Amino acid sequence: MSTPAPHGPRDRKRCCVAYATRERQYLWRVELPSSASIADALSAARALAGDEGIPWDSAAVGIFGEPRRRSDPCADGDRIELYRPLRRDPRERRRERAQRERAKGRAG
């Protein structure tokens, strides 16, 4: 009976899980099996984070700014991001700012 070969670097991957608030950026480096999904990476990061108030189950997720599903695979070196909900729609904020600028122009 032969002994199984040791797991090599190809059997594992390293990812970074990131979450940011206005005050702080959180980064957790995790090592995962090569078949791991985004959900697996989030679970590993959650185990490292403790109780930080991170919306692990409700936040939208992505890799390097591209929205993804939690069931999607991740690759070695990926930055998996948890996204905060926007307080206000950026397009609406731009419209309001443009209206204020136009009103200033008429008043001045």
PDB file of N, CA and C in Angstrom:
ATOM      1  N   MET A   1       0.829  -1.169   0.000  1.00  0.00           N
ATOM      2  CA  MET A   1       0.000   0.000   0.000  1.00  0.00           C
ATOM      3  C   MET A   1       0.883   1.245   0.000  1.00  0.00           C
ATOM      4  N   SER A   2       0.606   2.138  -0.920  1.00  0.00           N
ATOM      5  CA  SER A   2       1.438   3.339  -1.013  1.00  0.00           C
ATOM      6  C   SER A   2       0.814   4.466  -0.201  1.00  0.00           C
ATOM      7  N   THR A   3       1.680   5.360   0.235  1.00  0.00           N
ATOM      8  CA  THR A   3       1.182   6.511   0.999  1.00  0.00           C
ATOM      9  C   THR A   3       0.776   7.597   0.012  1.00  0.00           C
ATOM     10  N   PRO A   4      -0.259   8.342   0.345  1.00  0.00           N
ATOM     11  CA  PRO A   4      -0.677   9.411  -0.563  1.00  0.00           C
ATOM     12  C   PRO A   4       0.389  10.487  -0.659  1.00  0.00           C
ATOM     13  N   ALA A   5       0.446  11.089  -1.806  1.00  0.00           N
ATOM     14  CA  ALA A   5       1.408  12.170  -2.020  1.00  0.00           C
ATOM     15  C   ALA A   5       1.016  13.366  -1.166  1.00  0.00           C
ATOM     16  N   PRO A   6       1.993  14.074  -0.641  1.00  0.00           N
ATOM     17  CA  PRO A   6       1.660  15.265   0.153  1.00  0.00           C
ATOM     18  C   PRO A   6       0.990  16.311  -0.729  1.00  0.00           C
ATOM     19  N   HIS A   7       0.171  17.120  -0.096  1.00  0.00           N
ATOM     20  CA  HIS A   7      -0.491  18.177  -0.850  1.00  0.00           C
ATOM     21  C   HIS A   7       0.531  19.220  -1.238  1.00  0.00           C
ATOM     22  N   GLY A   8       0.548  19.535  -2.495  1.00  0.00           N
ATOM     23  CA  GLY A   8       1.469  20.544  -2.989  1.00  0.00           C
ATOM     24  C   GLY A   8       0.788  21.884  -3.123  1.00  0.00           C
ATOM     25  N   PRO A   9       1.519  22.901  -3.594  1.00  0.00           N
ATOM     26  CA  PRO A   9       0.957  24.240  -3.719  1.00  0.00           C
ATOM     27  C   PRO A   9      -0.224  24.295  -4.683  1.00  0.00           C
ATOM     28  N   ARG A  10      -0.298  23.362  -5.606  1.00  0.00           N
ATOM     29  CA  ARG A  10      -1.409  23.379  -6.566  1.00  0.00           C
ATOM     30  C   ARG A  10      -2.730  22.992  -5.916  1.00  0.00           C
ATOM     31  N   ASP A  11      -2.671  22.350  -4.770  1.00  0.00           N
ATOM     32  CA  ASP A  11      -3.889  21.933  -4.082  1.00  0.00           C
ATOM     33  C   ASP A  11      -4.480  23.052  -3.230  1.00  0.00           C
ATOM     34  N   ARG A  12      -3.787  24.167  -3.122  1.00  0.00           N
ATOM     35  CA  ARG A  12      -4.224  25.276  -2.272  1.00  0.00           C
ATOM     36  C   ARG A  12      -4.180  26.575  -3.064  1.00  0.00           C
ATOM     37  N   LYS A  13      -4.937  27.535  -2.597  1.00  0.00           N
ATOM     38  CA  LYS A  13      -4.869  28.884  -3.166  1.00  0.00           C
ATOM     39  C   LYS A  13      -5.003  29.889  -2.040  1.00  0.00           C
ATOM     40  N   ARG A  14      -4.465  31.057  -2.286  1.00  0.00           N
ATOM     41  CA  ARG A  14      -4.513  32.132  -1.297  1.00  0.00           C
ATOM     42  C   ARG A  14      -5.322  33.281  -1.878  1.00  0.00           C
ATOM     43  N   CYS A  15      -6.219  33.793  -1.066  1.00  0.00           N
ATOM     44  CA  CYS A  15      -7.063  34.915  -1.465  1.00  0.00           C
ATOM     45  C   CYS A  15      -7.073  35.951  -0.347  1.00  0.00           C
ATOM     46  N   CYS A  16      -7.507  37.132  -0.682  1.00  0.00           N
ATOM     47  CA  CYS A  16      -7.679  38.195   0.296  1.00  0.00           C
ATOM     48  C   CYS A  16      -9.160  38.554   0.301  1.00  0.00           C
ATOM     49  N   VAL A  17      -9.761  38.619   1.478  1.00  0.00           N
ATOM     50  CA  VAL A  17     -11.148  39.042   1.621  1.00  0.00           C
ATOM     51  C   VAL A  17     -11.109  40.456   2.186  1.00  0.00           C
ATOM     52  N   ALA A  18     -11.852  41.373   1.556  1.00  0.00           N
ATOM     53  CA  ALA A  18     -11.802  42.781   1.938  1.00  0.00           C
ATOM     54  C   ALA A  18     -13.193  43.334   2.216  1.00  0.00           C
ATOM     55  N   TYR A  19     -13.251  44.209   3.214  1.00  0.00           N
ATOM     56  CA  TYR A  19     -14.472  44.943   3.530  1.00  0.00           C
ATOM     57  C   TYR A  19     -14.045  46.301   4.066  1.00  0.00           C
ATOM     58  N   ALA A  20     -14.746  47.351   3.659  1.00  0.00           N
ATOM     59  CA  ALA A  20     -14.375  48.688   4.116  1.00  0.00           C
ATOM     60  C   ALA A  20     -15.589  49.439   4.623  1.00  0.00           C
ATOM     61  N   THR A  21     -15.373  50.176   5.694  1.00  0.00           N
ATOM     62  CA  THR A  21     -16.349  51.140   6.177  1.00  0.00           C
ATOM     63  C   THR A  21     -15.753  52.516   5.912  1.00  0.00           C
ATOM     64  N   ARG A  22     -16.465  53.558   6.275  1.00  0.00           N
ATOM     65  CA  ARG A  22     -15.899  54.899   6.105  1.00  0.00           C
ATOM     66  C   ARG A  22     -14.664  55.087   6.974  1.00  0.00           C
ATOM     67  N   GLU A  23     -14.629  54.382   8.103  1.00  0.00           N
ATOM     68  CA  GLU A  23     -13.545  54.562   9.066  1.00  0.00           C
ATOM     69  C   GLU A  23     -12.380  53.606   8.898  1.00  0.00           C
ATOM     70  N   ARG A  24     -12.636  52.449   8.337  1.00  0.00           N
ATOM     71  CA  ARG A  24     -11.601  51.405   8.373  1.00  0.00           C
ATOM     72  C   ARG A  24     -11.735  50.423   7.212  1.00  0.00           C
ATOM     73  N   GLN A  25     -10.588  49.888   6.797  1.00  0.00           N
ATOM     74  CA  GLN A  25     -10.580  48.810   5.813  1.00  0.00           C
ATOM     75  C   GLN A  25     -10.124  47.540   6.512  1.00  0.00           C
ATOM     76  N   TYR A  26     -10.875  46.467   6.288  1.00  0.00           N
ATOM     77  CA  TYR A  26     -10.545  45.159   6.850  1.00  0.00           C
ATOM     78  C   TYR A  26     -10.002  44.275   5.729  1.00  0.00           C
ATOM     79  N   LEU A  27      -8.925  43.573   5.993  1.00  0.00           N
ATOM     80  CA  LEU A  27      -8.350  42.617   5.038  1.00  0.00           C
ATOM     81  C   LEU A  27      -8.026  41.327   5.778  1.00  0.00           C
ATOM     82  N   TRP A  28      -8.505  40.230   5.247  1.00  0.00           N
ATOM     83  CA  TRP A  28      -8.198  38.919   5.818  1.00  0.00           C
ATOM     84  C   TRP A  28      -7.586  38.067   4.730  1.00  0.00           C
ATOM     85  N   ARG A  29      -6.407  37.539   4.989  1.00  0.00           N
ATOM     86  CA  ARG A  29      -5.737  36.644   4.039  1.00  0.00           C
ATOM     87  C   ARG A  29      -6.086  35.216   4.434  1.00  0.00           C
ATOM     88  N   VAL A  30      -6.590  34.477   3.457  1.00  0.00           N
ATOM     89  CA  VAL A  30      -7.028  33.115   3.726  1.00  0.00           C
ATOM     90  C   VAL A  30      -6.371  32.153   2.745  1.00  0.00           C
ATOM     91  N   GLU A  31      -6.122  30.951   3.215  1.00  0.00           N
ATOM     92  CA  GLU A  31      -5.608  29.878   2.366  1.00  0.00           C
ATOM     93  C   GLU A  31      -6.707  28.827   2.275  1.00  0.00           C
ATOM     94  N   LEU A  32      -6.981  28.401   1.048  1.00  0.00           N
ATOM     95  CA  LEU A  32      -8.137  27.554   0.779  1.00  0.00           C
ATOM     96  C   LEU A  32      -7.770  26.384  -0.113  1.00  0.00           C
ATOM     97  N   PRO A  33      -8.601  25.348  -0.127  1.00  0.00           N
ATOM     98  CA  PRO A  33      -8.411  24.280  -1.106  1.00  0.00           C
ATOM     99  C   PRO A  33      -8.613  24.838  -2.513  1.00  0.00           C
ATOM    100  N   SER A  34      -7.998  24.248  -3.492  1.00  0.00           N
ATOM    101  CA  SER A  34      -8.079  24.766  -4.858  1.00  0.00           C
ATOM    102  C   SER A  34      -9.498  24.778  -5.404  1.00  0.00           C
ATOM    103  N   SER A  35     -10.388  23.970  -4.858  1.00  0.00           N
ATOM    104  CA  SER A  35     -11.769  23.917  -5.341  1.00  0.00           C
ATOM    105  C   SER A  35     -12.699  24.895  -4.617  1.00  0.00           C
ATOM    106  N   ALA A  36     -12.184  25.747  -3.747  1.00  0.00           N
ATOM    107  CA  ALA A  36     -13.005  26.619  -2.907  1.00  0.00           C
ATOM    108  C   ALA A  36     -13.775  27.663  -3.710  1.00  0.00           C
ATOM    109  N   SER A  37     -14.927  28.015  -3.174  1.00  0.00           N
ATOM    110  CA  SER A  37     -15.775  29.046  -3.767  1.00  0.00           C
ATOM    111  C   SER A  37     -15.603  30.353  -2.981  1.00  0.00           C
ATOM    112  N   ILE A  38     -16.256  31.387  -3.466  1.00  0.00           N
ATOM    113  CA  ILE A  38     -16.269  32.663  -2.749  1.00  0.00           C
ATOM    114  C   ILE A  38     -16.866  32.464  -1.357  1.00  0.00           C
ATOM    115  N   ALA A  39     -17.937  31.683  -1.268  1.00  0.00           N
ATOM    116  CA  ALA A  39     -18.558  31.411   0.037  1.00  0.00           C
ATOM    117  C   ALA A  39     -17.570  30.754   0.998  1.00  0.00           C
ATOM    118  N   ASP A  40     -16.737  29.848   0.498  1.00  0.00           N
ATOM    119  CA  ASP A  40     -15.723  29.205   1.339  1.00  0.00           C
ATOM    120  C   ASP A  40     -14.704  30.231   1.846  1.00  0.00           C
ATOM    121  N   ALA A  41     -14.317  31.153   0.968  1.00  0.00           N
ATOM    122  CA  ALA A  41     -13.361  32.194   1.375  1.00  0.00           C
ATOM    123  C   ALA A  41     -13.973  33.095   2.435  1.00  0.00           C
ATOM    124  N   LEU A  42     -15.248  33.429   2.270  1.00  0.00           N
ATOM    125  CA  LEU A  42     -15.924  34.270   3.259  1.00  0.00           C
ATOM    126  C   LEU A  42     -16.006  33.563   4.608  1.00  0.00           C
ATOM    127  N   SER A  43     -16.285  32.267   4.587  1.00  0.00           N
ATOM    128  CA  SER A  43     -16.344  31.502   5.835  1.00  0.00           C
ATOM    129  C   SER A  43     -14.992  31.489   6.545  1.00  0.00           C
ATOM    130  N   ALA A  44     -13.931  31.313   5.771  1.00  0.00           N
ATOM    131  CA  ALA A  44     -12.588  31.296   6.356  1.00  0.00           C
ATOM    132  C   ALA A  44     -12.239  32.663   6.946  1.00  0.00           C
ATOM    133  N   ALA A  45     -12.597  33.733   6.235  1.00  0.00           N
ATOM    134  CA  ALA A  45     -12.311  35.076   6.742  1.00  0.00           C
ATOM    135  C   ALA A  45     -13.147  35.377   7.983  1.00  0.00           C
ATOM    136  N   ARG A  46     -14.378  34.928   7.971  1.00  0.00           N
ATOM    137  CA  ARG A  46     -15.267  35.149   9.118  1.00  0.00           C
ATOM    138  C   ARG A  46     -14.700  34.496  10.380  1.00  0.00           C
ATOM    139  N   ALA A  47     -14.108  33.317  10.214  1.00  0.00           N
ATOM    140  CA  ALA A  47     -13.499  32.620  11.346  1.00  0.00           C
ATOM    141  C   ALA A  47     -12.319  33.420  11.905  1.00  0.00           C
ATOM    142  N   LEU A  48     -11.607  34.143  11.051  1.00  0.00           N
ATOM    143  CA  LEU A  48     -10.474  34.961  11.494  1.00  0.00           C
ATOM    144  C   LEU A  48     -10.927  36.282  12.112  1.00  0.00           C
ATOM    145  N   ALA A  49     -12.039  36.808  11.638  1.00  0.00           N
ATOM    146  CA  ALA A  49     -12.460  38.159  11.993  1.00  0.00           C
ATOM    147  C   ALA A  49     -13.043  38.287  13.386  1.00  0.00           C
ATOM    148  N   GLY A  50     -13.693  37.259  13.846  1.00  0.00           N
ATOM    149  CA  GLY A  50     -14.395  37.406  15.112  1.00  0.00           C
ATOM    150  C   GLY A  50     -15.657  38.226  14.908  1.00  0.00           C
ATOM    151  N   ASP A  51     -16.109  38.891  15.942  1.00  0.00           N
ATOM    152  CA  ASP A  51     -17.352  39.648  15.879  1.00  0.00           C
ATOM    153  C   ASP A  51     -17.044  41.112  15.589  1.00  0.00           C
ATOM    154  N   GLU A  52     -16.906  41.447  14.334  1.00  0.00           N
ATOM    155  CA  GLU A  52     -16.569  42.814  13.922  1.00  0.00           C
ATOM    156  C   GLU A  52     -17.770  43.573  13.362  1.00  0.00           C
ATOM    157  N   GLY A  53     -18.953  42.945  13.314  1.00  0.00           N
ATOM    158  CA  GLY A  53     -20.119  43.611  12.738  1.00  0.00           C
ATOM    159  C   GLY A  53     -20.107  43.643  11.221  1.00  0.00           C
ATOM    160  N   ILE A  54     -19.438  42.712  10.611  1.00  0.00           N
ATOM    161  CA  ILE A  54     -19.360  42.628   9.149  1.00  0.00           C
ATOM    162  C   ILE A  54     -20.629  41.944   8.627  1.00  0.00           C
ATOM    163  N   PRO A  55     -21.239  42.461   7.550  1.00  0.00           N
ATOM    164  CA  PRO A  55     -22.459  41.838   7.019  1.00  0.00           C
ATOM    165  C   PRO A  55     -22.151  40.610   6.146  1.00  0.00           C
ATOM    166  N   TRP A  56     -21.593  39.589   6.755  1.00  0.00           N
ATOM    167  CA  TRP A  56     -21.136  38.408   6.020  1.00  0.00           C
ATOM    168  C   TRP A  56     -22.222  37.778   5.152  1.00  0.00           C
ATOM    169  N   ASP A  57     -23.438  37.703   5.669  1.00  0.00           N
ATOM    170  CA  ASP A  57     -24.499  36.985   4.964  1.00  0.00           C
ATOM    171  C   ASP A  57     -25.321  37.853   4.030  1.00  0.00           C
ATOM    172  N   SER A  58     -25.298  39.162   4.224  1.00  0.00           N
ATOM    173  CA  SER A  58     -26.190  40.020   3.445  1.00  0.00           C
ATOM    174  C   SER A  58     -25.500  40.884   2.398  1.00  0.00           C
ATOM    175  N   ALA A  59     -24.210  41.109   2.523  1.00  0.00           N
ATOM    176  CA  ALA A  59     -23.514  42.010   1.607  1.00  0.00           C
ATOM    177  C   ALA A  59     -23.365  41.388   0.220  1.00  0.00           C
ATOM    178  N   ALA A  60     -23.436  42.240  -0.788  1.00  0.00           N
ATOM    179  CA  ALA A  60     -23.110  41.815  -2.150  1.00  0.00           C
ATOM    180  C   ALA A  60     -21.611  41.524  -2.193  1.00  0.00           C
ATOM    181  N   VAL A  61     -21.202  40.627  -3.080  1.00  0.00           N
ATOM    182  CA  VAL A  61     -19.794  40.251  -3.168  1.00  0.00           C
ATOM    183  C   VAL A  61     -19.287  40.390  -4.597  1.00  0.00           C
ATOM    184  N   GLY A  62     -17.977  40.489  -4.711  1.00  0.00           N
ATOM    185  CA  GLY A  62     -17.347  40.557  -6.020  1.00  0.00           C
ATOM    186  C   GLY A  62     -15.876  40.233  -5.911  1.00  0.00           C
ATOM    187  N   ILE A  63     -15.248  40.163  -7.070  1.00  0.00           N
ATOM    188  CA  ILE A  63     -13.800  39.944  -7.148  1.00  0.00           C
ATOM    189  C   ILE A  63     -13.218  41.074  -7.975  1.00  0.00           C
ATOM    190  N   PHE A  64     -12.298  41.826  -7.383  1.00  0.00           N
ATOM    191  CA  PHE A  64     -11.664  42.972  -8.042  1.00  0.00           C
ATOM    192  C   PHE A  64     -12.698  43.891  -8.681  1.00  0.00           C
ATOM    193  N   GLY A  65     -13.796  44.192  -7.962  1.00  0.00           N
ATOM    194  CA  GLY A  65     -14.792  45.135  -8.448  1.00  0.00           C
ATOM    195  C   GLY A  65     -15.849  44.570  -9.375  1.00  0.00           C
ATOM    196  N   GLU A  66     -15.753  43.300  -9.721  1.00  0.00           N
ATOM    197  CA  GLU A  66     -16.741  42.653 -10.594  1.00  0.00           C
ATOM    198  C   GLU A  66     -17.720  41.868  -9.740  1.00  0.00           C
ATOM    199  N   PRO A  67     -19.020  42.193  -9.797  1.00  0.00           N
ATOM    200  CA  PRO A  67     -19.994  41.449  -8.992  1.00  0.00           C
ATOM    201  C   PRO A  67     -19.975  39.952  -9.316  1.00  0.00           C
ATOM    202  N   ARG A  68     -20.094  39.150  -8.289  1.00  0.00           N
ATOM    203  CA  ARG A  68     -20.093  37.682  -8.426  1.00  0.00           C
ATOM    204  C   ARG A  68     -21.121  37.078  -7.495  1.00  0.00           C
ATOM    205  N   ARG A  69     -21.402  35.789  -7.725  1.00  0.00           N
ATOM    206  CA  ARG A  69     -22.252  35.015  -6.817  1.00  0.00           C
ATOM    207  C   ARG A  69     -21.350  34.328  -5.800  1.00  0.00           C
ATOM    208  N   ARG A  70     -21.896  34.062  -4.648  1.00  0.00           N
ATOM    209  CA  ARG A  70     -21.126  33.392  -3.602  1.00  0.00           C
ATOM    210  C   ARG A  70     -20.729  31.979  -4.001  1.00  0.00           C
ATOM    211  N   SER A  71     -21.489  31.374  -4.894  1.00  0.00           N
ATOM    212  CA  SER A  71     -21.182  30.013  -5.342  1.00  0.00           C
ATOM    213  C   SER A  71     -20.089  29.980  -6.408  1.00  0.00           C
ATOM    214  N   ASP A  72     -19.689  31.128  -6.945  1.00  0.00           N
ATOM    215  CA  ASP A  72     -18.643  31.182  -7.967  1.00  0.00           C
ATOM    216  C   ASP A  72     -17.295  30.762  -7.372  1.00  0.00           C
ATOM    217  N   PRO A  73     -16.460  30.138  -8.175  1.00  0.00           N
ATOM    218  CA  PRO A  73     -15.120  29.798  -7.688  1.00  0.00           C
ATOM    219  C   PRO A  73     -14.253  31.050  -7.595  1.00  0.00           C
ATOM    220  N   CYS A  74     -13.239  30.984  -6.777  1.00  0.00           N
ATOM    221  CA  CYS A  74     -12.243  32.049  -6.727  1.00  0.00           C
ATOM    222  C   CYS A  74     -10.899  31.445  -7.123  1.00  0.00           C
ATOM    223  N   ALA A  75     -10.007  32.304  -7.554  1.00  0.00           N
ATOM    224  CA  ALA A  75      -8.693  31.844  -8.019  1.00  0.00           C
ATOM    225  C   ALA A  75      -7.603  32.323  -7.072  1.00  0.00           C
ATOM    226  N   ASP A  76      -6.461  31.683  -7.167  1.00  0.00           N
ATOM    227  CA  ASP A  76      -5.315  32.079  -6.370  1.00  0.00           C
ATOM    228  C   ASP A  76      -5.011  33.554  -6.629  1.00  0.00           C
ATOM    229  N   GLY A  77      -4.869  34.324  -5.562  1.00  0.00           N
ATOM    230  CA  GLY A  77      -4.543  35.743  -5.685  1.00  0.00           C
ATOM    231  C   GLY A  77      -5.737  36.674  -5.796  1.00  0.00           C
ATOM    232  N   ASP A  78      -6.963  36.144  -5.837  1.00  0.00           N
ATOM    233  CA  ASP A  78      -8.144  36.993  -5.950  1.00  0.00           C
ATOM    234  C   ASP A  78      -8.349  37.849  -4.711  1.00  0.00           C
ATOM    235  N   ARG A  79      -8.884  39.038  -4.939  1.00  0.00           N
ATOM    236  CA  ARG A  79      -9.331  39.926  -3.858  1.00  0.00           C
ATOM    237  C   ARG A  79     -10.859  39.837  -3.853  1.00  0.00           C
ATOM    238  N   ILE A  80     -11.387  39.179  -2.853  1.00  0.00           N
ATOM    239  CA  ILE A  80     -12.832  38.987  -2.724  1.00  0.00           C
ATOM    240  C   ILE A  80     -13.352  40.125  -1.859  1.00  0.00           C
ATOM    241  N   GLU A  81     -14.318  40.868  -2.396  1.00  0.00           N
ATOM    242  CA  GLU A  81     -14.781  42.065  -1.727  1.00  0.00           C
ATOM    243  C   GLU A  81     -16.234  41.928  -1.277  1.00  0.00           C
ATOM    244  N   LEU A  82     -16.498  42.395  -0.070  1.00  0.00           N
ATOM    245  CA  LEU A  82     -17.862  42.530   0.454  1.00  0.00           C
ATOM    246  C   LEU A  82     -18.233  43.992   0.263  1.00  0.00           C
ATOM    247  N   TYR A  83     -19.383  44.252  -0.364  1.00  0.00           N
ATOM    248  CA  TYR A  83     -19.775  45.628  -0.673  1.00  0.00           C
ATOM    249  C   TYR A  83     -20.834  46.140   0.289  1.00  0.00           C
ATOM    250  N   ARG A  84     -20.637  47.364   0.775  1.00  0.00           N
ATOM    251  CA  ARG A  84     -21.632  48.029   1.604  1.00  0.00           C
ATOM    252  C   ARG A  84     -22.731  48.556   0.695  1.00  0.00           C
ATOM    253  N   PRO A  85     -23.960  48.619   1.197  1.00  0.00           N
ATOM    254  CA  PRO A  85     -25.004  49.255   0.382  1.00  0.00           C
ATOM    255  C   PRO A  85     -24.719  50.757   0.286  1.00  0.00           C
ATOM    256  N   LEU A  86     -25.055  51.343  -0.832  1.00  0.00           N
ATOM    257  CA  LEU A  86     -24.858  52.772  -1.008  1.00  0.00           C
ATOM    258  C   LEU A  86     -25.894  53.528  -0.193  1.00  0.00           C
ATOM    259  N   ARG A  87     -25.468  54.606   0.434  1.00  0.00           N
ATOM    260  CA  ARG A  87     -26.414  55.422   1.198  1.00  0.00           C
ATOM    261  C   ARG A  87     -27.380  56.128   0.256  1.00  0.00           C
ATOM    262  N   ARG A  88     -26.829  56.613  -0.847  1.00  0.00           N
ATOM    263  CA  ARG A  88     -27.645  57.296  -1.846  1.00  0.00           C
ATOM    264  C   ARG A  88     -27.133  56.927  -3.215  1.00  0.00           C
ATOM    265  N   ASP A  89     -28.011  56.965  -4.180  1.00  0.00           N
ATOM    266  CA  ASP A  89     -27.657  56.668  -5.566  1.00  0.00           C
ATOM    267  C   ASP A  89     -26.693  57.744  -6.072  1.00  0.00           C
ATOM    268  N   PRO A  90     -25.516  57.367  -6.567  1.00  0.00           N
ATOM    269  CA  PRO A  90     -24.544  58.371  -7.040  1.00  0.00           C
ATOM    270  C   PRO A  90     -25.098  59.241  -8.173  1.00  0.00           C
ATOM    271  N   ARG A  91     -25.948  58.664  -9.019  1.00  0.00           N
ATOM    272  CA  ARG A  91     -26.527  59.467 -10.117  1.00  0.00           C
ATOM    273  C   ARG A  91     -27.423  60.568  -9.557  1.00  0.00           C
ATOM    274  N   GLU A  92     -28.192  60.233  -8.539  1.00  0.00           N
ATOM    275  CA  GLU A  92     -29.063  61.237  -7.909  1.00  0.00           C
ATOM    276  C   GLU A  92     -28.228  62.329  -7.254  1.00  0.00           C
ATOM    277  N   ARG A  93     -27.138  61.961  -6.612  1.00  0.00           N
ATOM    278  CA  ARG A  93     -26.259  62.960  -6.000  1.00  0.00           C
ATOM    279  C   ARG A  93     -25.672  63.892  -7.049  1.00  0.00           C
ATOM    280  N   ARG A  94     -25.281  63.365  -8.220  1.00  0.00           N
ATOM    281  CA  ARG A  94     -24.740  64.210  -9.292  1.00  0.00           C
ATOM    282  C   ARG A  94     -25.811  65.168  -9.806  1.00  0.00           C
ATOM    283  N   ARG A  95     -27.049  64.675  -9.957  1.00  0.00           N
ATOM    284  CA  ARG A  95     -28.147  65.538 -10.411  1.00  0.00           C
ATOM    285  C   ARG A  95     -28.373  66.691  -9.439  1.00  0.00           C
ATOM    286  N   GLU A  96     -28.402  66.373  -8.144  1.00  0.00           N
ATOM    287  CA  GLU A  96     -28.606  67.414  -7.143  1.00  0.00           C
ATOM    288  C   GLU A  96     -27.477  68.436  -7.166  1.00  0.00           C
ATOM    289  N   ARG A  97     -26.249  67.963  -7.317  1.00  0.00           N
ATOM    290  CA  ARG A  97     -25.098  68.860  -7.366  1.00  0.00           C
ATOM    291  C   ARG A  97     -25.186  69.767  -8.594  1.00  0.00           C
ATOM    292  N   ALA A  98     -25.579  69.231  -9.740  1.00  0.00           N
ATOM    293  CA  ALA A  98     -25.723  70.027 -10.964  1.00  0.00           C
ATOM    294  C   ALA A  98     -26.822  71.070 -10.801  1.00  0.00           C
ATOM    295  N   GLN A  99     -27.916  70.698 -10.146  1.00  0.00           N
ATOM    296  CA  GLN A  99     -28.997  71.665  -9.911  1.00  0.00           C
ATOM    297  C   GLN A  99     -28.528  72.806  -9.022  1.00  0.00           C
ATOM    298  N   ARG A 100     -27.755  72.474  -7.985  1.00  0.00           N
ATOM    299  CA  ARG A 100     -27.228  73.517  -7.101  1.00  0.00           C
ATOM    300  C   ARG A 100     -26.301  74.456  -7.860  1.00  0.00           C
ATOM    301  N   GLU A 101     -25.446  73.874  -8.711  1.00  0.00           N
ATOM    302  CA  GLU A 101     -24.506  74.703  -9.485  1.00  0.00           C
ATOM    303  C   GLU A 101     -25.254  75.623 -10.443  1.00  0.00           C
ATOM    304  N   ARG A 102     -26.307  75.095 -11.083  1.00  0.00           N
ATOM    305  CA  ARG A 102     -27.113  75.939 -11.993  1.00  0.00           C
ATOM    306  C   ARG A 102     -27.791  77.055 -11.214  1.00  0.00           C
ATOM    307  N   ALA A 103     -28.306  76.725 -10.025  1.00  0.00           N
ATOM    308  CA  ALA A 103     -28.969  77.755  -9.206  1.00  0.00           C
ATOM    309  C   ALA A 103     -27.978  78.822  -8.780  1.00  0.00           C
ATOM    310  N   LYS A 104     -26.743  78.449  -8.451  1.00  0.00           N
ATOM    311  CA  LYS A 104     -25.717  79.418  -8.093  1.00  0.00           C
ATOM    312  C   LYS A 104     -25.429  80.341  -9.272  1.00  0.00           C
ATOM    313  N   GLY A 105     -25.359  79.764 -10.458  1.00  0.00           N
ATOM    314  CA  GLY A 105     -25.062  80.537 -11.662  1.00  0.00           C
ATOM    315  C   GLY A 105     -26.132  81.577 -11.938  1.00  0.00           C
ATOM    316  N   ARG A 106     -27.381  81.255 -11.697  1.00  0.00           N
ATOM    317  CA  ARG A 106     -28.476  82.194 -11.908  1.00  0.00           C
ATOM    318  C   ARG A 106     -28.492  83.276 -10.821  1.00  0.00           C
ATOM    319  N   ALA A 107     -28.097  82.912  -9.617  1.00  0.00           N
ATOM    320  CA  ALA A 107     -28.138  83.854  -8.515  1.00  0.00           C
ATOM    321  C   ALA A 107     -26.971  84.837  -8.547  1.00  0.00           C
ATOM    322  N   GLY A 108     -25.885  84.462  -9.198  1.00  0.00           N
ATOM    323  CA  GLY A 108     -24.669  85.266  -9.134  1.00  0.00           C
ATOM    324  C   GLY A 108     -24.495  86.174 -10.228  1.00  0.00           C
TER     325      GLY A 108
END
